[in-house]
Amino acid sequence: MQTLPPSEISYKRIWDLSWPTILANICVPLIGATNIAVMGRLSDPKYIGGVALGVVVLQCIYWSFSFLRKGTTGITSQAFGRGDKEGVFAALLRSLLIALILSVIVIALQQLICWFAFAILHGSEEVESLAKEYFNIRIWGSFATTGNYVMLGWFYGIQRPKLALILRILMNAINIPLAIYLVLTLHWGVAGAAYSALISNYLIFILSLITVIPILKEYFADANNRIDFSFLKAVIHRSHLEKVFRINGDIFIRTVLVFSAFSWFTSAGASQGDLVLAANTILINLFWFISYGLDGFANAAETLVGQAV
């Protein structure tokens, strides 16, 4: 495991970490953009509106859990910077455990969440019906979505952003043709868009876990290629868990406040009709591309600051 001291971190090093991260981040909103583009090929703006409302509800949940990405990057990069191999993998497993627990809770409460969300968001009866259909399918991808947040943050933390980029490109390479096939060929409508996102998320999450195996061997394999799993005892160590929740609690509150503004914007558009909602959804997706792209420099900063600490 090789690290660079802070004195050797140059503009070139920052750019080397940033450009794959920028491209990987831009791939994140592509799933939503693909769904909207495919829905736009159908005959009525209600389909775009249905996906838009469904995505807002899901993003309220998943964005609230985005601390899993940011927190994982910070804790992993600190362990990486001090050469703590056990800490690097304990951070990954600890975050995946938290992601699993949160996903189980969300799935168990999905009907309550759905009722509460659509009591606040206001769209036409048809749009709300389509949005609920989209939500009820994609909610089963909670662990894959949150797990992918963790994997993304971990790859950034160990300074392998190109690996994160490859996986994100593969996710869209699966999602885009699958969405086109399910929606436009099989005529599954909103359900087709939801299933394409669900399937692509799970496939990439599984592939991400597979890519961890050679890194695990690189760090812990002995001369006989057997892996020492003694680092597992650090996963549920009380002091480490307290640190995770202390860091992630602040990020959680910040994220909820930020996304509340975007949720209100979508709800206000929905109250003005299906066409306004559809148009606003397309415009706000353009904003996501810019926002996620600029986040690449923030991600590089998180990685390098964590290493320096």
C-alpha atoms as a PDB file:
ATOM      1  CA  MET A   1       0.000   0.000   0.000  1.00  0.00           C
ATOM      2  CA  GLN A   2       1.775   3.137  -1.231  1.00  0.00           C
ATOM      3  CA  THR A   3       0.971   6.644  -0.013  1.00  0.00           C
ATOM      4  CA  LEU A   4       2.366  10.090  -0.754  1.00  0.00           C
ATOM      5  CA  PRO A   5       3.433  12.495   2.006  1.00  0.00           C
ATOM      6  CA  PRO A   6       1.588  15.862   1.910  1.00  0.00           C
ATOM      7  CA  SER A   7       4.748  17.614   0.669  1.00  0.00           C
ATOM      8  CA  GLU A   8       4.621  15.567  -2.544  1.00  0.00           C
ATOM      9  CA  ILE A   9       0.974  16.331  -3.353  1.00  0.00           C
ATOM     10  CA  SER A  10       0.997  18.566  -6.436  1.00  0.00           C
ATOM     11  CA  TYR A  11      -1.559  20.077  -8.792  1.00  0.00           C
ATOM     12  CA  LYS A  12      -0.892  17.132 -11.084  1.00  0.00           C
ATOM     13  CA  ARG A  13      -1.706  14.705  -8.263  1.00  0.00           C
ATOM     14  CA  ILE A  14      -4.948  16.556  -7.537  1.00  0.00           C
ATOM     15  CA  TRP A  15      -5.906  16.460 -11.224  1.00  0.00           C
ATOM     16  CA  ASP A  16      -5.003  12.761 -11.503  1.00  0.00           C
ATOM     17  CA  LEU A  17      -7.481  12.057  -8.693  1.00  0.00           C
ATOM     18  CA  SER A  18     -10.094  14.560  -9.873  1.00  0.00           C
ATOM     19  CA  TRP A  19     -10.672  13.778 -13.553  1.00  0.00           C
ATOM     20  CA  PRO A  20     -11.754  10.112 -13.114  1.00  0.00           C
ATOM     21  CA  THR A  21     -13.847  11.190 -10.126  1.00  0.00           C
ATOM     22  CA  ILE A  22     -15.537  13.946 -12.158  1.00  0.00           C
ATOM     23  CA  LEU A  23     -16.446  11.467 -14.907  1.00  0.00           C
ATOM     24  CA  ALA A  24     -17.561   8.837 -12.380  1.00  0.00           C
ATOM     25  CA  ASN A  25     -19.766  11.405 -10.608  1.00  0.00           C
ATOM     26  CA  ILE A  26     -21.317  12.560 -13.876  1.00  0.00           C
ATOM     27  CA  CYS A  27     -22.364   8.951 -14.456  1.00  0.00           C
ATOM     28  CA  VAL A  28     -24.437   9.024 -11.226  1.00  0.00           C
ATOM     29  CA  PRO A  29     -27.343  11.189 -12.520  1.00  0.00           C
ATOM     30  CA  LEU A  30     -27.276   9.389 -15.875  1.00  0.00           C
ATOM     31  CA  ILE A  31     -29.645   6.695 -14.578  1.00  0.00           C
ATOM     32  CA  GLY A  32     -32.273   9.315 -13.762  1.00  0.00           C
ATOM     33  CA  ALA A  33     -31.594  11.135 -17.023  1.00  0.00           C
ATOM     34  CA  THR A  34     -31.932   7.889 -18.981  1.00  0.00           C
ATOM     35  CA  ASN A  35     -35.277   7.131 -17.354  1.00  0.00           C
ATOM     36  CA  ILE A  36     -36.535  10.616 -18.163  1.00  0.00           C
ATOM     37  CA  ALA A  37     -35.267  10.441 -21.755  1.00  0.00           C
ATOM     38  CA  VAL A  38     -36.969   7.094 -22.322  1.00  0.00           C
ATOM     39  CA  MET A  39     -40.193   8.328 -20.701  1.00  0.00           C
ATOM     40  CA  GLY A  40     -40.034  11.329 -23.039  1.00  0.00           C
ATOM     41  CA  ARG A  41     -40.502   8.936 -25.966  1.00  0.00           C
ATOM     42  CA  LEU A  42     -43.948   7.993 -24.660  1.00  0.00           C
ATOM     43  CA  SER A  43     -47.104   9.838 -25.588  1.00  0.00           C
ATOM     44  CA  ASP A  44     -47.831  11.845 -22.436  1.00  0.00           C
ATOM     45  CA  PRO A  45     -45.791  14.077 -20.047  1.00  0.00           C
ATOM     46  CA  LYS A  46     -47.399  12.220 -17.125  1.00  0.00           C
ATOM     47  CA  TYR A  47     -44.797   9.469 -17.573  1.00  0.00           C
ATOM     48  CA  ILE A  48     -41.921  11.905 -17.059  1.00  0.00           C
ATOM     49  CA  GLY A  49     -43.819  13.398 -14.124  1.00  0.00           C
ATOM     50  CA  GLY A  50     -44.402   9.976 -12.580  1.00  0.00           C
ATOM     51  CA  VAL A  51     -40.708   9.092 -12.767  1.00  0.00           C
ATOM     52  CA  ALA A  52     -39.776  12.561 -11.476  1.00  0.00           C
ATOM     53  CA  LEU A  53     -41.932  12.275  -8.353  1.00  0.00           C
ATOM     54  CA  GLY A  54     -40.794   8.700  -7.752  1.00  0.00           C
ATOM     55  CA  VAL A  55     -37.149   9.736  -8.078  1.00  0.00           C
ATOM     56  CA  VAL A  56     -37.649  12.639  -5.657  1.00  0.00           C
ATOM     57  CA  VAL A  57     -38.994  10.308  -2.965  1.00  0.00           C
ATOM     58  CA  LEU A  58     -36.149   7.845  -3.513  1.00  0.00           C
ATOM     59  CA  GLN A  59     -33.529  10.591  -3.585  1.00  0.00           C
ATOM     60  CA  CYS A  60     -34.870  11.997  -0.307  1.00  0.00           C
ATOM     61  CA  ILE A  61     -34.067   8.591   1.187  1.00  0.00           C
ATOM     62  CA  TYR A  62     -30.839   7.819  -0.641  1.00  0.00           C
ATOM     63  CA  TRP A  63     -29.401  11.324  -0.455  1.00  0.00           C
ATOM     64  CA  SER A  64     -30.024  11.210   3.287  1.00  0.00           C
ATOM     65  CA  PHE A  65     -27.741   8.173   3.298  1.00  0.00           C
ATOM     66  CA  SER A  66     -25.072   9.791   1.108  1.00  0.00           C
ATOM     67  CA  PHE A  67     -23.013  10.182   4.269  1.00  0.00           C
ATOM     68  CA  LEU A  68     -22.121   6.551   3.610  1.00  0.00           C
ATOM     69  CA  ARG A  69     -20.082   7.749   0.624  1.00  0.00           C
ATOM     70  CA  LYS A  70     -18.534  10.829   2.172  1.00  0.00           C
ATOM     71  CA  GLY A  71     -17.918   9.304   5.590  1.00  0.00           C
ATOM     72  CA  THR A  72     -16.388   6.185   4.053  1.00  0.00           C
ATOM     73  CA  THR A  73     -14.001   8.299   1.959  1.00  0.00           C
ATOM     74  CA  GLY A  74     -12.833  10.279   4.988  1.00  0.00           C
ATOM     75  CA  ILE A  75     -12.286   7.350   7.345  1.00  0.00           C
ATOM     76  CA  THR A  76     -10.738   5.141   4.642  1.00  0.00           C
ATOM     77  CA  SER A  77      -8.346   7.856   3.430  1.00  0.00           C
ATOM     78  CA  GLN A  78      -7.128   8.434   6.999  1.00  0.00           C
ATOM     79  CA  ALA A  79      -6.418   4.724   7.439  1.00  0.00           C
ATOM     80  CA  PHE A  80      -4.792   4.655   3.994  1.00  0.00           C
ATOM     81  CA  GLY A  81      -2.597   7.648   4.877  1.00  0.00           C
ATOM     82  CA  ARG A  82      -1.215   6.028   8.017  1.00  0.00           C
ATOM     83  CA  GLY A  83      -0.662   2.682   6.269  1.00  0.00           C
ATOM     84  CA  ASP A  84      -3.327   0.929   8.374  1.00  0.00           C
ATOM     85  CA  LYS A  85      -4.386  -1.956   6.119  1.00  0.00           C
ATOM     86  CA  GLU A  86      -6.757  -3.384   8.736  1.00  0.00           C
ATOM     87  CA  GLY A  87      -8.401   0.029   9.136  1.00  0.00           C
ATOM     88  CA  VAL A  88      -8.915   0.363   5.370  1.00  0.00           C
ATOM     89  CA  PHE A  89     -10.943  -2.846   5.123  1.00  0.00           C
ATOM     90  CA  ALA A  90     -12.656  -2.427   8.497  1.00  0.00           C
ATOM     91  CA  ALA A  91     -13.958   0.947   7.244  1.00  0.00           C
ATOM     92  CA  LEU A  92     -15.439  -0.754   4.172  1.00  0.00           C
ATOM     93  CA  LEU A  93     -17.157  -3.559   6.073  1.00  0.00           C
ATOM     94  CA  ARG A  94     -18.395  -1.207   8.792  1.00  0.00           C
ATOM     95  CA  SER A  95     -20.040   1.078   6.225  1.00  0.00           C
ATOM     96  CA  LEU A  96     -21.566  -1.893   4.354  1.00  0.00           C
ATOM     97  CA  LEU A  97     -23.016  -3.177   7.634  1.00  0.00           C
ATOM     98  CA  ILE A  98     -24.602   0.224   8.316  1.00  0.00           C
ATOM     99  CA  ALA A  99     -25.916   0.326   4.719  1.00  0.00           C
ATOM    100  CA  LEU A 100     -27.509  -3.106   5.165  1.00  0.00           C
ATOM    101  CA  ILE A 101     -29.221  -2.136   8.439  1.00  0.00           C
ATOM    102  CA  LEU A 102     -30.568   1.112   6.968  1.00  0.00           C
ATOM    103  CA  SER A 103     -31.814  -0.697   3.857  1.00  0.00           C
ATOM    104  CA  VAL A 104     -33.711  -3.273   5.907  1.00  0.00           C
ATOM    105  CA  ILE A 105     -35.378  -0.470   7.886  1.00  0.00           C
ATOM    106  CA  VAL A 106     -36.349   1.413   4.703  1.00  0.00           C
ATOM    107  CA  ILE A 107     -37.826  -1.689   3.048  1.00  0.00           C
ATOM    108  CA  ALA A 108     -39.737  -2.579   6.230  1.00  0.00           C
ATOM    109  CA  LEU A 109     -41.220   0.940   6.364  1.00  0.00           C
ATOM    110  CA  GLN A 110     -41.753   1.376   2.617  1.00  0.00           C
ATOM    111  CA  GLN A 111     -45.554   1.680   2.782  1.00  0.00           C
ATOM    112  CA  LEU A 112     -45.395   4.257   5.564  1.00  0.00           C
ATOM    113  CA  ILE A 113     -42.723   6.208   3.658  1.00  0.00           C
ATOM    114  CA  CYS A 114     -44.801   6.069   0.476  1.00  0.00           C
ATOM    115  CA  TRP A 115     -47.935   7.319   2.253  1.00  0.00           C
ATOM    116  CA  PHE A 116     -46.079  10.158   3.983  1.00  0.00           C
ATOM    117  CA  ALA A 117     -44.182  11.233   0.847  1.00  0.00           C
ATOM    118  CA  PHE A 118     -47.247  11.506  -1.354  1.00  0.00           C
ATOM    119  CA  ALA A 119     -49.151  13.279   1.374  1.00  0.00           C
ATOM    120  CA  ILE A 120     -46.574  16.065   0.953  1.00  0.00           C
ATOM    121  CA  LEU A 121     -45.847  15.907  -2.790  1.00  0.00           C
ATOM    122  CA  HIS A 122     -48.735  16.977  -4.965  1.00  0.00           C
ATOM    123  CA  GLY A 123     -49.232  15.814  -8.541  1.00  0.00           C
ATOM    124  CA  SER A 124     -52.170  14.748 -10.655  1.00  0.00           C
ATOM    125  CA  GLU A 125     -53.845  11.446  -9.791  1.00  0.00           C
ATOM    126  CA  GLU A 126     -52.248   9.703 -12.791  1.00  0.00           C
ATOM    127  CA  VAL A 127     -48.772  11.056 -12.025  1.00  0.00           C
ATOM    128  CA  GLU A 128     -48.980   9.987  -8.370  1.00  0.00           C
ATOM    129  CA  SER A 129     -50.123   6.501  -9.395  1.00  0.00           C
ATOM    130  CA  LEU A 130     -47.146   6.127 -11.756  1.00  0.00           C
ATOM    131  CA  ALA A 131     -44.775   7.554  -9.147  1.00  0.00           C
ATOM    132  CA  LYS A 132     -45.930   5.013  -6.554  1.00  0.00           C
ATOM    133  CA  GLU A 133     -45.426   2.206  -9.065  1.00  0.00           C
ATOM    134  CA  TYR A 134     -41.870   3.421  -9.743  1.00  0.00           C
ATOM    135  CA  PHE A 135     -41.136   3.830  -6.027  1.00  0.00           C
ATOM    136  CA  ASN A 136     -42.485   0.401  -5.009  1.00  0.00           C
ATOM    137  CA  ILE A 137     -40.144  -1.316  -7.481  1.00  0.00           C
ATOM    138  CA  ARG A 138     -36.957   0.669  -6.947  1.00  0.00           C
ATOM    139  CA  ILE A 139     -37.183   0.666  -3.157  1.00  0.00           C
ATOM    140  CA  TRP A 140     -36.090  -2.996  -3.280  1.00  0.00           C
ATOM    141  CA  GLY A 141     -32.752  -1.760  -4.585  1.00  0.00           C
ATOM    142  CA  SER A 142     -31.999   0.082  -1.333  1.00  0.00           C
ATOM    143  CA  PHE A 143     -29.048  -2.084  -0.342  1.00  0.00           C
ATOM    144  CA  ALA A 144     -27.538  -2.005  -3.834  1.00  0.00           C
ATOM    145  CA  THR A 145     -27.845   1.795  -4.004  1.00  0.00           C
ATOM    146  CA  THR A 146     -26.442   2.480  -0.544  1.00  0.00           C
ATOM    147  CA  GLY A 147     -23.843  -0.261  -1.051  1.00  0.00           C
ATOM    148  CA  ASN A 148     -22.699   1.452  -4.243  1.00  0.00           C
ATOM    149  CA  TYR A 149     -22.336   4.703  -2.270  1.00  0.00           C
ATOM    150  CA  VAL A 150     -20.046   2.859   0.136  1.00  0.00           C
ATOM    151  CA  MET A 151     -18.012   1.243  -2.648  1.00  0.00           C
ATOM    152  CA  LEU A 152     -17.618   4.577  -4.447  1.00  0.00           C
ATOM    153  CA  GLY A 153     -16.411   6.272  -1.263  1.00  0.00           C
ATOM    154  CA  TRP A 154     -14.029   3.425  -0.480  1.00  0.00           C
ATOM    155  CA  PHE A 155     -12.436   3.442  -3.937  1.00  0.00           C
ATOM    156  CA  TYR A 156     -11.936   7.206  -3.590  1.00  0.00           C
ATOM    157  CA  GLY A 157     -10.439   6.693  -0.118  1.00  0.00           C
ATOM    158  CA  ILE A 158      -7.814   4.208  -1.343  1.00  0.00           C
ATOM    159  CA  GLN A 159      -7.086   6.554  -4.276  1.00  0.00           C
ATOM    160  CA  ARG A 160      -8.361   4.293  -7.038  1.00  0.00           C
ATOM    161  CA  PRO A 161     -10.846   6.627  -8.749  1.00  0.00           C
ATOM    162  CA  LYS A 162     -10.298   4.993 -12.151  1.00  0.00           C
ATOM    163  CA  LEU A 163     -11.770   1.770 -10.789  1.00  0.00           C
ATOM    164  CA  ALA A 164     -14.818   3.718  -9.590  1.00  0.00           C
ATOM    165  CA  LEU A 165     -15.088   5.303 -13.045  1.00  0.00           C
ATOM    166  CA  ILE A 166     -15.007   1.938 -14.834  1.00  0.00           C
ATOM    167  CA  LEU A 167     -17.771   0.559 -12.601  1.00  0.00           C
ATOM    168  CA  ARG A 168     -19.946   3.648 -13.126  1.00  0.00           C
ATOM    169  CA  ILE A 169     -19.527   3.430 -16.894  1.00  0.00           C
ATOM    170  CA  LEU A 170     -20.505  -0.246 -16.759  1.00  0.00           C
ATOM    171  CA  MET A 171     -23.599   0.616 -14.700  1.00  0.00           C
ATOM    172  CA  ASN A 172     -24.837   2.975 -17.406  1.00  0.00           C
ATOM    173  CA  ALA A 173     -23.811   0.556 -20.152  1.00  0.00           C
ATOM    174  CA  ILE A 174     -26.226  -1.919 -18.538  1.00  0.00           C
ATOM    175  CA  ASN A 175     -28.974   0.535 -17.587  1.00  0.00           C
ATOM    176  CA  ILE A 176     -29.349   2.504 -20.832  1.00  0.00           C
ATOM    177  CA  PRO A 177     -30.006  -0.381 -23.284  1.00  0.00           C
ATOM    178  CA  LEU A 178     -32.032  -2.248 -20.653  1.00  0.00           C
ATOM    179  CA  ALA A 179     -34.291   0.774 -20.068  1.00  0.00           C
ATOM    180  CA  ILE A 180     -34.785   1.240 -23.813  1.00  0.00           C
ATOM    181  CA  TYR A 181     -35.628  -2.445 -24.237  1.00  0.00           C
ATOM    182  CA  LEU A 182     -38.031  -2.714 -21.286  1.00  0.00           C
ATOM    183  CA  VAL A 183     -39.829   0.583 -21.927  1.00  0.00           C
ATOM    184  CA  LEU A 184     -39.874   0.980 -25.704  1.00  0.00           C
ATOM    185  CA  THR A 185     -39.745  -2.643 -26.887  1.00  0.00           C
ATOM    186  CA  LEU A 186     -41.635  -4.521 -24.162  1.00  0.00           C
ATOM    187  CA  HIS A 187     -43.823  -1.468 -23.354  1.00  0.00           C
ATOM    188  CA  TRP A 188     -43.460  -1.861 -19.588  1.00  0.00           C
ATOM    189  CA  GLY A 189     -43.719   1.907 -19.106  1.00  0.00           C
ATOM    190  CA  VAL A 190     -42.631   3.307 -15.736  1.00  0.00           C
ATOM    191  CA  ALA A 191     -42.098  -0.215 -14.383  1.00  0.00           C
ATOM    192  CA  GLY A 192     -39.537  -0.867 -17.131  1.00  0.00           C
ATOM    193  CA  ALA A 193     -37.535   2.216 -16.149  1.00  0.00           C
ATOM    194  CA  ALA A 194     -37.635   1.174 -12.490  1.00  0.00           C
ATOM    195  CA  TYR A 195     -36.544  -2.409 -13.186  1.00  0.00           C
ATOM    196  CA  SER A 196     -33.657  -1.292 -15.408  1.00  0.00           C
ATOM    197  CA  ALA A 197     -32.305   0.921 -12.605  1.00  0.00           C
ATOM    198  CA  LEU A 198     -32.869  -1.826 -10.017  1.00  0.00           C
ATOM    199  CA  ILE A 199     -31.067  -4.507 -12.046  1.00  0.00           C
ATOM    200  CA  SER A 200     -28.115  -2.303 -13.054  1.00  0.00           C
ATOM    201  CA  ASN A 201     -27.567  -1.181  -9.434  1.00  0.00           C
ATOM    202  CA  TYR A 202     -27.466  -4.747  -8.125  1.00  0.00           C
ATOM    203  CA  LEU A 203     -25.206  -6.015 -10.900  1.00  0.00           C
ATOM    204  CA  ILE A 204     -22.653  -3.242 -10.327  1.00  0.00           C
ATOM    205  CA  PHE A 205     -22.786  -3.687  -6.559  1.00  0.00           C
ATOM    206  CA  ILE A 206     -22.000  -7.394  -6.956  1.00  0.00           C
ATOM    207  CA  LEU A 207     -19.219  -6.579  -9.423  1.00  0.00           C
ATOM    208  CA  SER A 208     -17.806  -3.976  -7.004  1.00  0.00           C
ATOM    209  CA  LEU A 209     -17.618  -6.589  -4.256  1.00  0.00           C
ATOM    210  CA  ILE A 210     -15.833  -8.954  -6.641  1.00  0.00           C
ATOM    211  CA  THR A 211     -13.230  -6.270  -7.458  1.00  0.00           C
ATOM    212  CA  VAL A 212     -12.426  -5.989  -3.737  1.00  0.00           C
ATOM    213  CA  ILE A 213     -11.129  -9.590  -3.638  1.00  0.00           C
ATOM    214  CA  PRO A 214      -7.811  -8.954  -5.494  1.00  0.00           C
ATOM    215  CA  ILE A 215      -7.231  -5.821  -3.368  1.00  0.00           C
ATOM    216  CA  LEU A 216      -7.899  -7.884  -0.232  1.00  0.00           C
ATOM    217  CA  LYS A 217      -5.351 -10.457  -1.391  1.00  0.00           C
ATOM    218  CA  GLU A 218      -2.881  -7.711  -2.218  1.00  0.00           C
ATOM    219  CA  TYR A 219      -3.080  -6.433   1.375  1.00  0.00           C
ATOM    220  CA  PHE A 220      -3.519  -9.598   3.439  1.00  0.00           C
ATOM    221  CA  ALA A 221      -2.624 -12.751   1.484  1.00  0.00           C
ATOM    222  CA  ASP A 222       0.271 -14.817   2.831  1.00  0.00           C
ATOM    223  CA  ALA A 223       2.799 -16.813   0.822  1.00  0.00           C
ATOM    224  CA  ASN A 224       0.167 -19.519   0.264  1.00  0.00           C
ATOM    225  CA  ASN A 225      -2.363 -16.939  -1.017  1.00  0.00           C
ATOM    226  CA  ARG A 226      -4.504 -17.367   2.097  1.00  0.00           C
ATOM    227  CA  ILE A 227      -6.166 -14.276   3.526  1.00  0.00           C
ATOM    228  CA  ASP A 228      -5.827 -13.272   7.186  1.00  0.00           C
ATOM    229  CA  PHE A 229      -9.253 -12.025   8.345  1.00  0.00           C
ATOM    230  CA  SER A 230      -8.121 -10.878  11.791  1.00  0.00           C
ATOM    231  CA  PHE A 231      -9.031  -7.302  10.837  1.00  0.00           C
ATOM    232  CA  LEU A 232     -12.728  -8.226  11.136  1.00  0.00           C
ATOM    233  CA  LYS A 233     -12.620  -7.703  14.904  1.00  0.00           C
ATOM    234  CA  ALA A 234     -12.167  -3.964  14.300  1.00  0.00           C
ATOM    235  CA  VAL A 235     -15.411  -3.682  12.314  1.00  0.00           C
ATOM    236  CA  ILE A 236     -17.736  -3.465  15.333  1.00  0.00           C
ATOM    237  CA  HIS A 237     -15.252  -1.943  17.759  1.00  0.00           C
ATOM    238  CA  ARG A 238     -17.188   0.564  19.890  1.00  0.00           C
ATOM    239  CA  SER A 239     -14.807   3.520  19.513  1.00  0.00           C
ATOM    240  CA  HIS A 240     -14.716   3.104  15.726  1.00  0.00           C
ATOM    241  CA  LEU A 241     -18.520   2.917  15.503  1.00  0.00           C
ATOM    242  CA  GLU A 242     -18.865   6.044  17.655  1.00  0.00           C
ATOM    243  CA  LYS A 243     -16.491   7.884  15.313  1.00  0.00           C
ATOM    244  CA  VAL A 244     -18.493   6.788  12.261  1.00  0.00           C
ATOM    245  CA  PHE A 245     -21.817   7.990  13.707  1.00  0.00           C
ATOM    246  CA  ARG A 246     -20.277  11.229  14.972  1.00  0.00           C
ATOM    247  CA  ILE A 247     -18.906  12.092  11.523  1.00  0.00           C
ATOM    248  CA  ASN A 248     -21.922  10.884   9.569  1.00  0.00           C
ATOM    249  CA  GLY A 249     -24.498  12.574  11.812  1.00  0.00           C
ATOM    250  CA  ASP A 250     -23.410  16.067  10.737  1.00  0.00           C
ATOM    251  CA  ILE A 251     -23.313  15.082   7.061  1.00  0.00           C
ATOM    252  CA  PHE A 252     -26.798  13.547   7.370  1.00  0.00           C
ATOM    253  CA  ILE A 253     -28.330  16.775   8.730  1.00  0.00           C
ATOM    254  CA  ARG A 254     -26.598  18.874   6.053  1.00  0.00           C
ATOM    255  CA  THR A 255     -27.811  16.588   3.262  1.00  0.00           C
ATOM    256  CA  VAL A 256     -31.421  16.557   4.460  1.00  0.00           C
ATOM    257  CA  LEU A 257     -31.475  20.368   4.523  1.00  0.00           C
ATOM    258  CA  VAL A 258     -29.973  20.654   1.035  1.00  0.00           C
ATOM    259  CA  PHE A 259     -32.329  18.172  -0.556  1.00  0.00           C
ATOM    260  CA  SER A 260     -35.402  19.676   1.133  1.00  0.00           C
ATOM    261  CA  ALA A 261     -35.036  22.649  -1.218  1.00  0.00           C
ATOM    262  CA  PHE A 262     -34.988  20.443  -4.319  1.00  0.00           C
ATOM    263  CA  SER A 263     -37.938  18.405  -3.057  1.00  0.00           C
ATOM    264  CA  TRP A 264     -39.963  21.577  -2.547  1.00  0.00           C
ATOM    265  CA  PHE A 265     -39.050  22.737  -6.073  1.00  0.00           C
ATOM    266  CA  THR A 266     -40.338  19.482  -7.599  1.00  0.00           C
ATOM    267  CA  SER A 267     -43.482  19.528  -5.464  1.00  0.00           C
ATOM    268  CA  ALA A 268     -44.211  23.144  -6.468  1.00  0.00           C
ATOM    269  CA  GLY A 269     -43.775  22.223 -10.140  1.00  0.00           C
ATOM    270  CA  ALA A 270     -46.089  19.224  -9.769  1.00  0.00           C
ATOM    271  CA  SER A 271     -48.829  21.419  -8.343  1.00  0.00           C
ATOM    272  CA  GLN A 272     -48.765  23.483 -11.568  1.00  0.00           C
ATOM    273  CA  GLY A 273     -49.493  20.552 -13.853  1.00  0.00           C
ATOM    274  CA  ASP A 274     -47.864  17.558 -15.529  1.00  0.00           C
ATOM    275  CA  LEU A 275     -46.216  19.598 -18.296  1.00  0.00           C
ATOM    276  CA  VAL A 276     -44.518  22.041 -15.887  1.00  0.00           C
ATOM    277  CA  LEU A 277     -43.343  19.124 -13.744  1.00  0.00           C
ATOM    278  CA  ALA A 278     -41.898  17.338 -16.797  1.00  0.00           C
ATOM    279  CA  ALA A 279     -40.083  20.483 -18.005  1.00  0.00           C
ATOM    280  CA  ASN A 280     -38.656  21.261 -14.552  1.00  0.00           C
ATOM    281  CA  THR A 281     -37.455  17.666 -14.223  1.00  0.00           C
ATOM    282  CA  ILE A 282     -35.439  17.931 -17.429  1.00  0.00           C
ATOM    283  CA  LEU A 283     -33.920  21.275 -16.371  1.00  0.00           C
ATOM    284  CA  ILE A 284     -32.972  20.097 -12.890  1.00  0.00           C
ATOM    285  CA  ASN A 285     -31.250  17.043 -14.365  1.00  0.00           C
ATOM    286  CA  LEU A 286     -28.955  19.399 -16.287  1.00  0.00           C
ATOM    287  CA  PHE A 287     -28.111  20.984 -12.942  1.00  0.00           C
ATOM    288  CA  TRP A 288     -27.264  17.563 -11.457  1.00  0.00           C
ATOM    289  CA  PHE A 289     -24.643  16.947 -14.153  1.00  0.00           C
ATOM    290  CA  ILE A 290     -22.865  20.217 -13.295  1.00  0.00           C
ATOM    291  CA  SER A 291     -23.152  19.628  -9.548  1.00  0.00           C
ATOM    292  CA  TYR A 292     -21.899  16.046  -9.611  1.00  0.00           C
ATOM    293  CA  GLY A 293     -19.056  16.989 -11.954  1.00  0.00           C
ATOM    294  CA  LEU A 294     -17.755  19.765  -9.697  1.00  0.00           C
ATOM    295  CA  ASP A 295     -17.953  17.337  -6.777  1.00  0.00           C
ATOM    296  CA  GLY A 296     -14.974  15.544  -8.330  1.00  0.00           C
ATOM    297  CA  PHE A 297     -12.633  18.213  -6.918  1.00  0.00           C
ATOM    298  CA  ALA A 298     -14.357  17.961  -3.521  1.00  0.00           C
ATOM    299  CA  ASN A 299     -13.844  14.189  -3.565  1.00  0.00           C
ATOM    300  CA  ALA A 300     -10.133  14.628  -4.380  1.00  0.00           C
ATOM    301  CA  ALA A 301      -9.842  17.094  -1.483  1.00  0.00           C
ATOM    302  CA  GLU A 302     -11.543  14.638   0.907  1.00  0.00           C
ATOM    303  CA  THR A 303      -9.110  11.913  -0.116  1.00  0.00           C
ATOM    304  CA  LEU A 304      -5.940  14.021   0.168  1.00  0.00           C
ATOM    305  CA  VAL A 305      -6.956  15.783   3.388  1.00  0.00           C
ATOM    306  CA  GLY A 306      -7.819  12.435   4.983  1.00  0.00           C
ATOM    307  CA  GLN A 307      -4.435  11.055   3.938  1.00  0.00           C
ATOM    308  CA  ALA A 308      -2.646  14.140   5.328  1.00  0.00           C
ATOM    309  CA  VAL A 309      -4.501  13.852   8.649  1.00  0.00           C
END
